[in-house]
């Protein structure tokens, strides 16, 4: 009985560990998600272009220096757009840190701190 209970507790801990996010720091450009994917841009054309796309409703993402795309996310339910948080940085190079979530090759960042890259 004790062994079975220990195995259940251990399995539960493993499941929880698999869903915990790790903290990371990302450096890259804030740009329109369509430009990152369909235009294959390495950086935004201009700040004005990135801002216009965001204001038109396109989600902003962070395109990291190594080419990975980070989708800004929230842990609130229902999830809310993170464009307001990223709009001041649209078209700019940033350093962002927070909790990283990965699933099926996608990366999402729950941004705890973001600032213009130095």
C-alpha atoms as a PDB file:
ATOM      1  CA  UNK A   1       0.000   0.000   0.000  1.00  0.00           C
ATOM      2  CA  UNK A   2       2.800   2.416   0.891  1.00  0.00           C
ATOM      3  CA  UNK A   3       4.641   1.651  -2.324  1.00  0.00           C
ATOM      4  CA  UNK A   4       1.504   2.255  -4.389  1.00  0.00           C
ATOM      5  CA  UNK A   5       0.890   5.597  -2.622  1.00  0.00           C
ATOM      6  CA  UNK A   6       4.525   6.615  -3.156  1.00  0.00           C
ATOM      7  CA  UNK A   7       4.247   5.786  -6.858  1.00  0.00           C
ATOM      8  CA  UNK A   8       1.056   7.846  -7.172  1.00  0.00           C
ATOM      9  CA  UNK A   9       2.708  10.834  -5.473  1.00  0.00           C
ATOM     10  CA  UNK A  10       5.824  10.473  -7.634  1.00  0.00           C
ATOM     11  CA  UNK A  11       3.751  10.259 -10.833  1.00  0.00           C
ATOM     12  CA  UNK A  12       1.797  13.367  -9.833  1.00  0.00           C
ATOM     13  CA  UNK A  13       5.013  15.270  -9.160  1.00  0.00           C
ATOM     14  CA  UNK A  14       6.364  14.260 -12.572  1.00  0.00           C
ATOM     15  CA  UNK A  15       3.200  15.474 -14.312  1.00  0.00           C
ATOM     16  CA  UNK A  16       3.354  18.817 -12.494  1.00  0.00           C
ATOM     17  CA  UNK A  17       7.039  19.226 -13.322  1.00  0.00           C
ATOM     18  CA  UNK A  18       6.292  18.632 -17.003  1.00  0.00           C
ATOM     19  CA  UNK A  19       3.841  21.568 -17.053  1.00  0.00           C
ATOM     20  CA  UNK A  20       5.909  24.038 -15.064  1.00  0.00           C
ATOM     21  CA  UNK A  21       7.417  26.855 -17.041  1.00  0.00           C
ATOM     22  CA  UNK A  22      11.026  27.858 -16.783  1.00  0.00           C
ATOM     23  CA  UNK A  23      12.173  31.463 -16.621  1.00  0.00           C
ATOM     24  CA  UNK A  24      14.114  32.747 -19.619  1.00  0.00           C
ATOM     25  CA  UNK A  25      15.378  35.936 -21.237  1.00  0.00           C
ATOM     26  CA  UNK A  26      14.889  36.612 -24.952  1.00  0.00           C
ATOM     27  CA  UNK A  27      16.530  39.260 -27.127  1.00  0.00           C
ATOM     28  CA  UNK A  28      15.027  40.152 -30.469  1.00  0.00           C
ATOM     29  CA  UNK A  29      12.675  42.375 -32.432  1.00  0.00           C
ATOM     30  CA  UNK A  30       8.990  43.027 -31.773  1.00  0.00           C
ATOM     31  CA  UNK A  31       7.156  42.702 -35.053  1.00  0.00           C
ATOM     32  CA  UNK A  32       3.888  41.695 -36.658  1.00  0.00           C
ATOM     33  CA  UNK A  33       3.396  37.917 -36.646  1.00  0.00           C
ATOM     34  CA  UNK A  34       2.553  37.856 -40.377  1.00  0.00           C
ATOM     35  CA  UNK A  35       5.864  39.549 -41.204  1.00  0.00           C
ATOM     36  CA  UNK A  36       7.731  36.995 -39.125  1.00  0.00           C
ATOM     37  CA  UNK A  37       6.085  34.045 -40.858  1.00  0.00           C
ATOM     38  CA  UNK A  38       4.902  35.012 -44.353  1.00  0.00           C
ATOM     39  CA  UNK A  39       7.500  37.675 -45.185  1.00  0.00           C
ATOM     40  CA  UNK A  40      10.370  35.858 -43.437  1.00  0.00           C
ATOM     41  CA  UNK A  41      11.735  39.168 -42.139  1.00  0.00           C
ATOM     42  CA  UNK A  42      14.734  39.176 -39.797  1.00  0.00           C
ATOM     43  CA  UNK A  43      13.688  42.537 -38.352  1.00  0.00           C
ATOM     44  CA  UNK A  44      10.786  44.956 -38.889  1.00  0.00           C
ATOM     45  CA  UNK A  45      10.699  47.219 -41.930  1.00  0.00           C
ATOM     46  CA  UNK A  46      10.017  50.176 -39.629  1.00  0.00           C
ATOM     47  CA  UNK A  47       8.513  51.031 -36.260  1.00  0.00           C
ATOM     48  CA  UNK A  48       5.563  52.689 -38.031  1.00  0.00           C
ATOM     49  CA  UNK A  49       4.825  49.562 -40.050  1.00  0.00           C
ATOM     50  CA  UNK A  50       4.884  47.289 -36.981  1.00  0.00           C
ATOM     51  CA  UNK A  51       2.674  49.707 -35.039  1.00  0.00           C
ATOM     52  CA  UNK A  52       0.177  50.015 -37.901  1.00  0.00           C
ATOM     53  CA  UNK A  53      -0.116  46.230 -38.193  1.00  0.00           C
ATOM     54  CA  UNK A  54      -0.650  45.880 -34.447  1.00  0.00           C
ATOM     55  CA  UNK A  55      -3.280  48.621 -34.401  1.00  0.00           C
ATOM     56  CA  UNK A  56      -5.054  46.818 -37.245  1.00  0.00           C
ATOM     57  CA  UNK A  57      -5.304  43.725 -35.045  1.00  0.00           C
ATOM     58  CA  UNK A  58      -2.317  41.607 -36.042  1.00  0.00           C
ATOM     59  CA  UNK A  59      -0.655  39.923 -33.051  1.00  0.00           C
ATOM     60  CA  UNK A  60       2.827  41.158 -32.191  1.00  0.00           C
ATOM     61  CA  UNK A  61       5.542  38.586 -31.495  1.00  0.00           C
ATOM     62  CA  UNK A  62       9.187  38.639 -30.518  1.00  0.00           C
ATOM     63  CA  UNK A  63      11.513  37.329 -33.220  1.00  0.00           C
ATOM     64  CA  UNK A  64      14.611  36.275 -31.304  1.00  0.00           C
ATOM     65  CA  UNK A  65      18.177  36.615 -32.503  1.00  0.00           C
ATOM     66  CA  UNK A  66      18.289  32.867 -33.227  1.00  0.00           C
ATOM     67  CA  UNK A  67      15.127  33.043 -35.374  1.00  0.00           C
ATOM     68  CA  UNK A  68      12.683  31.553 -32.851  1.00  0.00           C
ATOM     69  CA  UNK A  69       9.279  33.221 -32.625  1.00  0.00           C
ATOM     70  CA  UNK A  70       7.934  33.878 -29.131  1.00  0.00           C
ATOM     71  CA  UNK A  71       4.205  34.452 -28.780  1.00  0.00           C
ATOM     72  CA  UNK A  72       3.402  36.724 -25.836  1.00  0.00           C
ATOM     73  CA  UNK A  73       0.878  35.071 -23.565  1.00  0.00           C
ATOM     74  CA  UNK A  74      -0.975  35.494 -20.309  1.00  0.00           C
ATOM     75  CA  UNK A  75      -2.023  33.090 -17.611  1.00  0.00           C
ATOM     76  CA  UNK A  76      -5.390  34.820 -17.212  1.00  0.00           C
ATOM     77  CA  UNK A  77      -8.498  32.982 -18.326  1.00  0.00           C
ATOM     78  CA  UNK A  78      -9.792  33.879 -20.786  1.00  0.00           C
ATOM     79  CA  UNK A  79      -6.516  34.910 -22.353  1.00  0.00           C
ATOM     80  CA  UNK A  80      -6.190  38.524 -23.425  1.00  0.00           C
ATOM     81  CA  UNK A  81      -4.188  40.156 -26.187  1.00  0.00           C
ATOM     82  CA  UNK A  82      -0.693  41.238 -25.222  1.00  0.00           C
ATOM     83  CA  UNK A  83      -0.440  43.847 -28.011  1.00  0.00           C
ATOM     84  CA  UNK A  84      -0.935  46.722 -25.547  1.00  0.00           C
ATOM     85  CA  UNK A  85       2.117  45.561 -23.601  1.00  0.00           C
ATOM     86  CA  UNK A  86       4.226  45.224 -26.771  1.00  0.00           C
ATOM     87  CA  UNK A  87       2.962  48.227 -28.761  1.00  0.00           C
ATOM     88  CA  UNK A  88       5.479  50.709 -27.245  1.00  0.00           C
ATOM     89  CA  UNK A  89       8.235  48.357 -28.472  1.00  0.00           C
ATOM     90  CA  UNK A  90       6.793  47.587 -31.927  1.00  0.00           C
ATOM     91  CA  UNK A  91       9.586  47.658 -34.486  1.00  0.00           C
ATOM     92  CA  UNK A  92      12.263  47.856 -31.812  1.00  0.00           C
ATOM     93  CA  UNK A  93      14.860  45.458 -30.467  1.00  0.00           C
ATOM     94  CA  UNK A  94      14.022  44.323 -26.916  1.00  0.00           C
ATOM     95  CA  UNK A  95      15.142  42.212 -24.031  1.00  0.00           C
ATOM     96  CA  UNK A  96      12.175  40.360 -22.514  1.00  0.00           C
ATOM     97  CA  UNK A  97      12.144  37.957 -19.618  1.00  0.00           C
ATOM     98  CA  UNK A  98       9.467  35.788 -18.129  1.00  0.00           C
ATOM     99  CA  UNK A  99       8.065  32.289 -18.014  1.00  0.00           C
ATOM    100  CA  UNK A 100       8.618  30.199 -21.131  1.00  0.00           C
ATOM    101  CA  UNK A 101       6.007  27.687 -22.253  1.00  0.00           C
ATOM    102  CA  UNK A 102       6.681  25.277 -25.111  1.00  0.00           C
ATOM    103  CA  UNK A 103       4.298  22.979 -26.900  1.00  0.00           C
ATOM    104  CA  UNK A 104       4.597  21.208 -30.235  1.00  0.00           C
ATOM    105  CA  UNK A 105       7.464  23.426 -31.370  1.00  0.00           C
ATOM    106  CA  UNK A 106       5.710  26.692 -30.437  1.00  0.00           C
ATOM    107  CA  UNK A 107       7.116  29.039 -27.813  1.00  0.00           C
ATOM    108  CA  UNK A 108       5.049  31.362 -25.642  1.00  0.00           C
ATOM    109  CA  UNK A 109       6.447  33.897 -23.216  1.00  0.00           C
ATOM    110  CA  UNK A 110       4.537  35.208 -20.209  1.00  0.00           C
ATOM    111  CA  UNK A 111       6.388  38.531 -20.153  1.00  0.00           C
ATOM    112  CA  UNK A 112       7.339  39.706 -16.675  1.00  0.00           C
ATOM    113  CA  UNK A 113       9.790  42.390 -17.840  1.00  0.00           C
ATOM    114  CA  UNK A 114      10.430  44.004 -21.213  1.00  0.00           C
ATOM    115  CA  UNK A 115      12.730  46.873 -22.127  1.00  0.00           C
ATOM    116  CA  UNK A 116      14.502  48.316 -25.148  1.00  0.00           C
ATOM    117  CA  UNK A 117      17.698  46.334 -25.798  1.00  0.00           C
ATOM    118  CA  UNK A 118      20.915  48.076 -24.978  1.00  0.00           C
END
